[in-house]
Amino acid sequence: MRIHIKKKTKKNGSVVFVIPGMSLLTPDGEKLIPNPNGLKPMAYEALENAISASHKAGYDAEFQDEFFPVERQARKQNAPTLGNQRHIMVKDALVQAFPTLLKRLQDKEALVLVSTIKALSFYDKSDAIAPILTHLGHESSDVRSAIQQACCTLPSLETLQALGHAYGHSLVNDRNAEMGYRVRLTILKSWEAMADCLPTEIFSVVMTHLLHALEEEQWLIRSTAASVLASLAERHKQEPSA
């Protein structure tokens, strides 16, 4: 593919050489790169600069029927395909979306929270753990279920430690409150989901809490704790000893 360079004269009489560019969103703002299919003009004061910019982007250049080919080996190594450019645009947009998704965790709509928690869980960022876990006691079972699933894809050790801290905090501050029961049950359900996909030794940081849960008054908590321990015992037996 080649980029066609056009010569234009400004109102003040100065001449510029224009090539098509494609807009990319980056953390530093909009960035234009030469592209034959681009819709945004990129102007250069010298023809040589327009040709050089086209070549750096990996494209041949043409001006007034004169052909300026890029060196083939360099083109093969450096030419950004349209597919690659689209991939970069999506990647940049996802990076920019992360802080906005964190803000959406303050939303009052349960469906928004469910989708937001799911989206954040795939970023593999520890920064998302604490904001997500603020909803452990949410009234919506869909939100609590989303948290349980998210815990399987968030950073494992940090998530287990944060859940253990939340469990202890609940025991101290709202042991017998309905909210406290919901929080601890969501935590145990999260551990139950994680027990199916993580190595058993990583659960060493929460075993004390699991043993305590076996003695809780609420039968759902005792039942879920036993289920987590059953999964860990089964998998531990199957795993090779160190």
C-alpha atoms as a PDB file:
ATOM      1  CA  MET A   1       0.000   0.000   0.000  1.00  0.00           C
ATOM      2  CA  ARG A   2       1.102   3.537  -0.635  1.00  0.00           C
ATOM      3  CA  ILE A   3       0.303   6.959   0.723  1.00  0.00           C
ATOM      4  CA  HIS A   4      -0.596   9.658  -1.787  1.00  0.00           C
ATOM      5  CA  ILE A   5       0.901  13.019  -0.936  1.00  0.00           C
ATOM      6  CA  LYS A   6      -1.021  16.144  -1.938  1.00  0.00           C
ATOM      7  CA  LYS A   7       0.313  19.652  -2.304  1.00  0.00           C
ATOM      8  CA  LYS A   8      -1.844  22.432  -0.888  1.00  0.00           C
ATOM      9  CA  THR A   9      -1.442  26.197  -0.740  1.00  0.00           C
ATOM     10  CA  LYS A  10      -2.629  27.992   2.375  1.00  0.00           C
ATOM     11  CA  LYS A  11      -4.395  31.344   2.374  1.00  0.00           C
ATOM     12  CA  ASN A  12      -1.147  33.051   3.380  1.00  0.00           C
ATOM     13  CA  GLY A  13       0.540  31.617   0.294  1.00  0.00           C
ATOM     14  CA  SER A  14       2.668  29.014   2.090  1.00  0.00           C
ATOM     15  CA  VAL A  15       2.794  25.490   0.691  1.00  0.00           C
ATOM     16  CA  VAL A  16       2.288  22.306   2.702  1.00  0.00           C
ATOM     17  CA  PHE A  17       2.353  18.631   1.775  1.00  0.00           C
ATOM     18  CA  VAL A  18      -0.579  16.646   3.154  1.00  0.00           C
ATOM     19  CA  ILE A  19      -0.923  12.920   3.812  1.00  0.00           C
ATOM     20  CA  PRO A  20      -3.857  10.983   5.356  1.00  0.00           C
ATOM     21  CA  GLY A  21      -3.566   9.993   9.009  1.00  0.00           C
ATOM     22  CA  MET A  22      -5.388   7.739  11.463  1.00  0.00           C
ATOM     23  CA  SER A  23      -6.200   8.897  14.978  1.00  0.00           C
ATOM     24  CA  LEU A  24      -5.116   6.793  17.950  1.00  0.00           C
ATOM     25  CA  LEU A  25      -6.104   7.489  21.549  1.00  0.00           C
ATOM     26  CA  THR A  26      -3.199   7.232  23.990  1.00  0.00           C
ATOM     27  CA  PRO A  27      -2.844   8.084  27.695  1.00  0.00           C
ATOM     28  CA  ASP A  28      -1.162  11.326  26.514  1.00  0.00           C
ATOM     29  CA  GLY A  29      -4.016  12.255  24.208  1.00  0.00           C
ATOM     30  CA  GLU A  30      -4.759  11.864  20.517  1.00  0.00           C
ATOM     31  CA  LYS A  31      -1.914  10.739  18.258  1.00  0.00           C
ATOM     32  CA  LEU A  32      -1.954  10.769  14.449  1.00  0.00           C
ATOM     33  CA  ILE A  33      -0.084   8.195  12.409  1.00  0.00           C
ATOM     34  CA  PRO A  34       0.138   8.052   8.598  1.00  0.00           C
ATOM     35  CA  ASN A  35      -2.284   5.589   7.034  1.00  0.00           C
ATOM     36  CA  PRO A  36      -3.611   5.266   3.451  1.00  0.00           C
ATOM     37  CA  ASN A  37      -7.144   4.798   4.842  1.00  0.00           C
ATOM     38  CA  GLY A  38      -6.883   7.634   7.350  1.00  0.00           C
ATOM     39  CA  LEU A  39      -9.431  10.431   7.424  1.00  0.00           C
ATOM     40  CA  LYS A  40      -7.427  13.122   9.203  1.00  0.00           C
ATOM     41  CA  PRO A  41      -4.903  15.305   7.313  1.00  0.00           C
ATOM     42  CA  MET A  42      -1.285  15.527   8.426  1.00  0.00           C
ATOM     43  CA  ALA A  43       0.557  18.544   6.957  1.00  0.00           C
ATOM     44  CA  TYR A  44       4.299  18.941   6.459  1.00  0.00           C
ATOM     45  CA  GLU A  45       6.200  22.011   5.268  1.00  0.00           C
ATOM     46  CA  ALA A  46       8.618  19.951   3.155  1.00  0.00           C
ATOM     47  CA  LEU A  47       7.953  17.102   0.739  1.00  0.00           C
ATOM     48  CA  GLU A  48      10.872  15.173   2.205  1.00  0.00           C
ATOM     49  CA  ASN A  49       9.235  15.232   5.635  1.00  0.00           C
ATOM     50  CA  ALA A  50       5.962  13.859   4.276  1.00  0.00           C
ATOM     51  CA  ILE A  51       7.829  11.082   2.474  1.00  0.00           C
ATOM     52  CA  SER A  52       9.865  10.290   5.601  1.00  0.00           C
ATOM     53  CA  ALA A  53       6.741  10.113   7.782  1.00  0.00           C
ATOM     54  CA  SER A  54       5.122   7.726   5.294  1.00  0.00           C
ATOM     55  CA  HIS A  55       8.211   5.526   5.242  1.00  0.00           C
ATOM     56  CA  LYS A  56       8.479   5.457   9.044  1.00  0.00           C
ATOM     57  CA  ALA A  57       4.905   4.203   9.152  1.00  0.00           C
ATOM     58  CA  GLY A  58       5.925   1.440   6.736  1.00  0.00           C
ATOM     59  CA  TYR A  59       4.231   2.711   3.576  1.00  0.00           C
ATOM     60  CA  ASP A  60       5.411   3.674   0.096  1.00  0.00           C
ATOM     61  CA  ALA A  61       4.782   7.287  -0.904  1.00  0.00           C
ATOM     62  CA  GLU A  62       3.629   8.863  -4.147  1.00  0.00           C
ATOM     63  CA  PHE A  63       3.615  12.509  -5.179  1.00  0.00           C
ATOM     64  CA  GLN A  64       2.533  13.776  -8.584  1.00  0.00           C
ATOM     65  CA  ASP A  65       3.037  10.351 -10.207  1.00  0.00           C
ATOM     66  CA  GLU A  66       6.517  10.017  -8.696  1.00  0.00           C
ATOM     67  CA  PHE A  67       6.982   6.882  -6.624  1.00  0.00           C
ATOM     68  CA  PHE A  68       9.040   6.809  -3.408  1.00  0.00           C
ATOM     69  CA  PRO A  69       9.253   3.172  -2.213  1.00  0.00           C
ATOM     70  CA  VAL A  70      10.106   2.289   1.341  1.00  0.00           C
ATOM     71  CA  GLU A  71      12.976  -0.143   1.776  1.00  0.00           C
ATOM     72  CA  ARG A  72      11.366  -3.610   1.613  1.00  0.00           C
ATOM     73  CA  GLN A  73      13.067  -5.233   4.598  1.00  0.00           C
ATOM     74  CA  ALA A  74      12.219  -2.288   6.802  1.00  0.00           C
ATOM     75  CA  ARG A  75       8.640  -2.377   5.562  1.00  0.00           C
ATOM     76  CA  LYS A  76       8.334  -6.048   6.374  1.00  0.00           C
ATOM     77  CA  GLN A  77       9.568  -5.503   9.920  1.00  0.00           C
ATOM     78  CA  ASN A  78       7.902  -2.208  10.771  1.00  0.00           C
ATOM     79  CA  ALA A  79       4.751  -1.780   8.692  1.00  0.00           C
ATOM     80  CA  PRO A  80       1.753  -1.422  11.022  1.00  0.00           C
ATOM     81  CA  THR A  81      -1.150  -3.261   9.447  1.00  0.00           C
ATOM     82  CA  LEU A  82      -4.665  -1.922   9.781  1.00  0.00           C
ATOM     83  CA  GLY A  83      -5.411  -4.858  12.072  1.00  0.00           C
ATOM     84  CA  ASN A  84      -2.500  -3.933  14.340  1.00  0.00           C
ATOM     85  CA  GLN A  85      -3.628  -0.316  14.473  1.00  0.00           C
ATOM     86  CA  ARG A  86      -7.128  -1.375  15.472  1.00  0.00           C
ATOM     87  CA  HIS A  87      -5.658  -3.646  18.134  1.00  0.00           C
ATOM     88  CA  ILE A  88      -3.675  -0.700  19.525  1.00  0.00           C
ATOM     89  CA  MET A  89      -6.770   1.499  19.530  1.00  0.00           C
ATOM     90  CA  VAL A  90      -8.765  -1.095  21.480  1.00  0.00           C
ATOM     91  CA  LYS A  91      -5.899  -1.619  23.922  1.00  0.00           C
ATOM     92  CA  ASP A  92      -5.558   2.123  24.545  1.00  0.00           C
ATOM     93  CA  ALA A  93      -9.315   2.469  25.071  1.00  0.00           C
ATOM     94  CA  LEU A  94      -9.302  -0.365  27.609  1.00  0.00           C
ATOM     95  CA  VAL A  95      -6.485   1.330  29.530  1.00  0.00           C
ATOM     96  CA  GLN A  96      -8.445   4.570  29.615  1.00  0.00           C
ATOM     97  CA  ALA A  97     -11.606   2.759  30.723  1.00  0.00           C
ATOM     98  CA  PHE A  98     -10.104   1.341  33.939  1.00  0.00           C
ATOM     99  CA  PRO A  99     -10.429   4.448  36.169  1.00  0.00           C
ATOM    100  CA  THR A 100     -13.937   5.087  34.826  1.00  0.00           C
ATOM    101  CA  LEU A 101     -14.942   1.508  35.624  1.00  0.00           C
ATOM    102  CA  LEU A 102     -13.705   2.029  39.181  1.00  0.00           C
ATOM    103  CA  LYS A 103     -16.017   5.037  39.432  1.00  0.00           C
ATOM    104  CA  ARG A 104     -18.921   2.924  38.178  1.00  0.00           C
ATOM    105  CA  LEU A 105     -18.583   0.788  41.301  1.00  0.00           C
ATOM    106  CA  GLN A 106     -20.336   3.668  43.049  1.00  0.00           C
ATOM    107  CA  ASP A 107     -23.401   3.161  40.848  1.00  0.00           C
ATOM    108  CA  LYS A 108     -26.707   2.399  42.568  1.00  0.00           C
ATOM    109  CA  GLU A 109     -27.978   0.095  39.819  1.00  0.00           C
ATOM    110  CA  ALA A 110     -27.242  -3.582  40.471  1.00  0.00           C
ATOM    111  CA  LEU A 111     -26.996  -4.440  36.763  1.00  0.00           C
ATOM    112  CA  VAL A 112     -24.355  -1.752  36.275  1.00  0.00           C
ATOM    113  CA  LEU A 113     -22.389  -3.136  39.218  1.00  0.00           C
ATOM    114  CA  VAL A 114     -22.579  -6.690  37.864  1.00  0.00           C
ATOM    115  CA  SER A 115     -21.167  -5.718  34.470  1.00  0.00           C
ATOM    116  CA  THR A 116     -18.571  -3.402  36.006  1.00  0.00           C
ATOM    117  CA  ILE A 117     -17.291  -6.045  38.413  1.00  0.00           C
ATOM    118  CA  LYS A 118     -17.021  -8.536  35.556  1.00  0.00           C
ATOM    119  CA  ALA A 119     -15.104  -6.051  33.398  1.00  0.00           C
ATOM    120  CA  LEU A 120     -12.682  -5.074  36.178  1.00  0.00           C
ATOM    121  CA  SER A 121     -11.945  -8.695  37.045  1.00  0.00           C
ATOM    122  CA  PHE A 122     -10.188  -9.211  33.697  1.00  0.00           C
ATOM    123  CA  TYR A 123      -7.708  -6.357  34.156  1.00  0.00           C
ATOM    124  CA  ASP A 124      -5.550  -8.381  36.577  1.00  0.00           C
ATOM    125  CA  LYS A 125      -5.011  -5.233  38.666  1.00  0.00           C
ATOM    126  CA  SER A 126      -4.750  -5.271  42.448  1.00  0.00           C
ATOM    127  CA  ASP A 127      -6.211  -1.751  42.497  1.00  0.00           C
ATOM    128  CA  ALA A 128      -9.619  -3.228  41.647  1.00  0.00           C
ATOM    129  CA  ILE A 129      -9.795  -5.655  44.588  1.00  0.00           C
ATOM    130  CA  ALA A 130     -10.708  -3.342  47.475  1.00  0.00           C
ATOM    131  CA  PRO A 131     -13.339  -1.318  45.513  1.00  0.00           C
ATOM    132  CA  ILE A 132     -15.026  -4.527  44.337  1.00  0.00           C
ATOM    133  CA  LEU A 133     -15.078  -6.037  47.829  1.00  0.00           C
ATOM    134  CA  THR A 134     -16.930  -3.024  49.235  1.00  0.00           C
ATOM    135  CA  HIS A 135     -20.034  -4.723  47.788  1.00  0.00           C
ATOM    136  CA  LEU A 136     -19.610  -8.047  49.624  1.00  0.00           C
ATOM    137  CA  GLY A 137     -22.813  -7.390  51.566  1.00  0.00           C
ATOM    138  CA  HIS A 138     -24.851  -5.975  48.693  1.00  0.00           C
ATOM    139  CA  GLU A 139     -28.575  -6.736  48.812  1.00  0.00           C
ATOM    140  CA  SER A 140     -28.543  -8.037  45.223  1.00  0.00           C
ATOM    141  CA  SER A 141     -27.600 -11.694  44.899  1.00  0.00           C
ATOM    142  CA  ASP A 142     -26.505 -10.956  41.314  1.00  0.00           C
ATOM    143  CA  VAL A 143     -23.900  -8.489  42.569  1.00  0.00           C
ATOM    144  CA  ARG A 144     -22.646 -10.930  45.184  1.00  0.00           C
ATOM    145  CA  SER A 145     -22.472 -13.690  42.558  1.00  0.00           C
ATOM    146  CA  ALA A 146     -20.463 -11.388  40.264  1.00  0.00           C
ATOM    147  CA  ILE A 147     -17.966 -10.831  43.087  1.00  0.00           C
ATOM    148  CA  GLN A 148     -17.597 -14.571  43.637  1.00  0.00           C
ATOM    149  CA  GLN A 149     -16.799 -15.097  39.959  1.00  0.00           C
ATOM    150  CA  ALA A 150     -14.475 -12.102  39.829  1.00  0.00           C
ATOM    151  CA  CYS A 151     -12.379 -13.460  42.684  1.00  0.00           C
ATOM    152  CA  CYS A 152     -11.301 -16.313  40.391  1.00  0.00           C
ATOM    153  CA  THR A 153      -9.691 -13.916  37.899  1.00  0.00           C
ATOM    154  CA  LEU A 154      -8.419 -11.116  40.140  1.00  0.00           C
ATOM    155  CA  PRO A 155      -4.809 -11.420  41.445  1.00  0.00           C
ATOM    156  CA  SER A 156      -5.080 -14.569  43.579  1.00  0.00           C
ATOM    157  CA  LEU A 157      -2.988 -13.999  46.703  1.00  0.00           C
ATOM    158  CA  GLU A 158      -3.978 -10.355  47.134  1.00  0.00           C
ATOM    159  CA  THR A 159      -7.637 -11.303  46.727  1.00  0.00           C
ATOM    160  CA  LEU A 160      -7.449 -14.097  49.312  1.00  0.00           C
ATOM    161  CA  GLN A 161      -5.713 -11.797  51.776  1.00  0.00           C
ATOM    162  CA  ALA A 162      -8.276  -9.029  51.220  1.00  0.00           C
ATOM    163  CA  LEU A 163     -11.138 -11.489  51.718  1.00  0.00           C
ATOM    164  CA  GLY A 164      -9.545 -12.791  54.906  1.00  0.00           C
ATOM    165  CA  HIS A 165      -9.202  -9.247  56.231  1.00  0.00           C
ATOM    166  CA  ALA A 166     -12.859  -8.524  55.350  1.00  0.00           C
ATOM    167  CA  TYR A 167     -13.957 -11.720  57.137  1.00  0.00           C
ATOM    168  CA  GLY A 168     -12.143 -10.730  60.329  1.00  0.00           C
ATOM    169  CA  HIS A 169     -13.462  -7.178  60.124  1.00  0.00           C
ATOM    170  CA  SER A 170     -17.021  -8.494  59.809  1.00  0.00           C
ATOM    171  CA  LEU A 171     -16.618 -10.701  62.885  1.00  0.00           C
ATOM    172  CA  VAL A 172     -15.445  -7.769  64.975  1.00  0.00           C
ATOM    173  CA  ASN A 173     -17.881  -5.110  63.725  1.00  0.00           C
ATOM    174  CA  ASP A 174     -21.103  -6.833  62.654  1.00  0.00           C
ATOM    175  CA  ARG A 175     -20.941 -10.422  63.843  1.00  0.00           C
ATOM    176  CA  ASN A 176     -24.687 -10.865  64.368  1.00  0.00           C
ATOM    177  CA  ALA A 177     -26.046  -8.336  61.878  1.00  0.00           C
ATOM    178  CA  GLU A 178     -27.754  -9.460  58.677  1.00  0.00           C
ATOM    179  CA  MET A 179     -25.202  -7.460  56.676  1.00  0.00           C
ATOM    180  CA  GLY A 180     -22.409  -9.306  58.460  1.00  0.00           C
ATOM    181  CA  TYR A 181     -23.864 -12.679  57.548  1.00  0.00           C
ATOM    182  CA  ARG A 182     -24.158 -11.647  53.902  1.00  0.00           C
ATOM    183  CA  VAL A 183     -20.581 -10.403  53.844  1.00  0.00           C
ATOM    184  CA  ARG A 184     -19.129 -13.574  55.354  1.00  0.00           C
ATOM    185  CA  LEU A 185     -21.288 -15.852  53.209  1.00  0.00           C
ATOM    186  CA  THR A 186     -20.164 -14.022  50.052  1.00  0.00           C
ATOM    187  CA  ILE A 187     -16.565 -14.393  51.180  1.00  0.00           C
ATOM    188  CA  LEU A 188     -16.977 -18.114  51.738  1.00  0.00           C
ATOM    189  CA  LYS A 189     -18.765 -18.536  48.403  1.00  0.00           C
ATOM    190  CA  SER A 190     -15.851 -16.719  46.776  1.00  0.00           C
ATOM    191  CA  TRP A 191     -13.373 -19.082  48.430  1.00  0.00           C
ATOM    192  CA  GLU A 192     -15.514 -21.980  47.261  1.00  0.00           C
ATOM    193  CA  ALA A 193     -15.228 -20.795  43.656  1.00  0.00           C
ATOM    194  CA  MET A 194     -11.489 -20.153  44.020  1.00  0.00           C
ATOM    195  CA  ALA A 195     -10.905 -23.591  45.525  1.00  0.00           C
ATOM    196  CA  ASP A 196     -11.835 -25.131  42.183  1.00  0.00           C
ATOM    197  CA  CYS A 197      -9.212 -23.239  40.191  1.00  0.00           C
ATOM    198  CA  LEU A 198      -6.272 -22.301  42.433  1.00  0.00           C
ATOM    199  CA  PRO A 199      -3.464 -24.391  43.998  1.00  0.00           C
ATOM    200  CA  THR A 200      -4.424 -25.469  47.508  1.00  0.00           C
ATOM    201  CA  GLU A 201      -1.290 -24.107  49.188  1.00  0.00           C
ATOM    202  CA  ILE A 202      -2.325 -20.532  48.421  1.00  0.00           C
ATOM    203  CA  PHE A 203      -5.247 -20.949  50.841  1.00  0.00           C
ATOM    204  CA  SER A 204      -2.833 -21.115  53.795  1.00  0.00           C
ATOM    205  CA  VAL A 205      -3.526 -17.415  54.401  1.00  0.00           C
ATOM    206  CA  VAL A 206      -7.239 -18.036  55.123  1.00  0.00           C
ATOM    207  CA  MET A 207      -7.339 -21.473  56.756  1.00  0.00           C
ATOM    208  CA  THR A 208      -7.834 -19.961  60.221  1.00  0.00           C
ATOM    209  CA  HIS A 209     -10.945 -18.162  58.968  1.00  0.00           C
ATOM    210  CA  LEU A 210     -12.283 -21.340  57.350  1.00  0.00           C
ATOM    211  CA  LEU A 211     -11.889 -23.279  60.589  1.00  0.00           C
ATOM    212  CA  HIS A 212     -13.653 -20.498  62.473  1.00  0.00           C
ATOM    213  CA  ALA A 213     -16.508 -20.516  59.935  1.00  0.00           C
ATOM    214  CA  LEU A 214     -17.221 -24.165  60.802  1.00  0.00           C
ATOM    215  CA  GLU A 215     -18.274 -22.958  64.268  1.00  0.00           C
ATOM    216  CA  GLU A 216     -20.486 -20.041  63.168  1.00  0.00           C
ATOM    217  CA  GLU A 217     -24.142 -19.873  64.260  1.00  0.00           C
ATOM    218  CA  GLN A 218     -25.551 -19.397  60.746  1.00  0.00           C
ATOM    219  CA  TRP A 219     -25.916 -22.803  59.103  1.00  0.00           C
ATOM    220  CA  LEU A 220     -25.329 -21.529  55.565  1.00  0.00           C
ATOM    221  CA  ILE A 221     -21.926 -20.256  56.634  1.00  0.00           C
ATOM    222  CA  ARG A 222     -21.067 -23.582  58.301  1.00  0.00           C
ATOM    223  CA  SER A 223     -22.230 -25.476  55.230  1.00  0.00           C
ATOM    224  CA  THR A 224     -20.244 -23.336  52.782  1.00  0.00           C
ATOM    225  CA  ALA A 225     -17.114 -23.537  54.937  1.00  0.00           C
ATOM    226  CA  ALA A 226     -17.386 -27.326  54.928  1.00  0.00           C
ATOM    227  CA  SER A 227     -17.833 -27.283  51.144  1.00  0.00           C
ATOM    228  CA  VAL A 228     -14.673 -25.192  50.690  1.00  0.00           C
ATOM    229  CA  LEU A 229     -12.712 -27.560  52.928  1.00  0.00           C
ATOM    230  CA  ALA A 230     -14.070 -30.552  51.019  1.00  0.00           C
ATOM    231  CA  SER A 231     -12.835 -29.087  47.727  1.00  0.00           C
ATOM    232  CA  LEU A 232      -9.450 -28.249  49.200  1.00  0.00           C
ATOM    233  CA  ALA A 233      -9.092 -31.713  50.751  1.00  0.00           C
ATOM    234  CA  GLU A 234      -9.951 -33.432  47.465  1.00  0.00           C
ATOM    235  CA  ARG A 235      -7.577 -31.317  45.409  1.00  0.00           C
ATOM    236  CA  HIS A 236      -4.819 -31.494  48.015  1.00  0.00           C
ATOM    237  CA  LYS A 237      -4.982 -35.279  47.831  1.00  0.00           C
ATOM    238  CA  GLN A 238      -4.610 -35.157  44.053  1.00  0.00           C
ATOM    239  CA  GLU A 239      -1.765 -32.662  43.973  1.00  0.00           C
ATOM    240  CA  PRO A 240       1.811 -33.998  44.092  1.00  0.00           C
ATOM    241  CA  SER A 241       3.504 -33.480  47.446  1.00  0.00           C
ATOM    242  CA  ALA A 242       6.389 -31.030  47.581  1.00  0.00           C
END
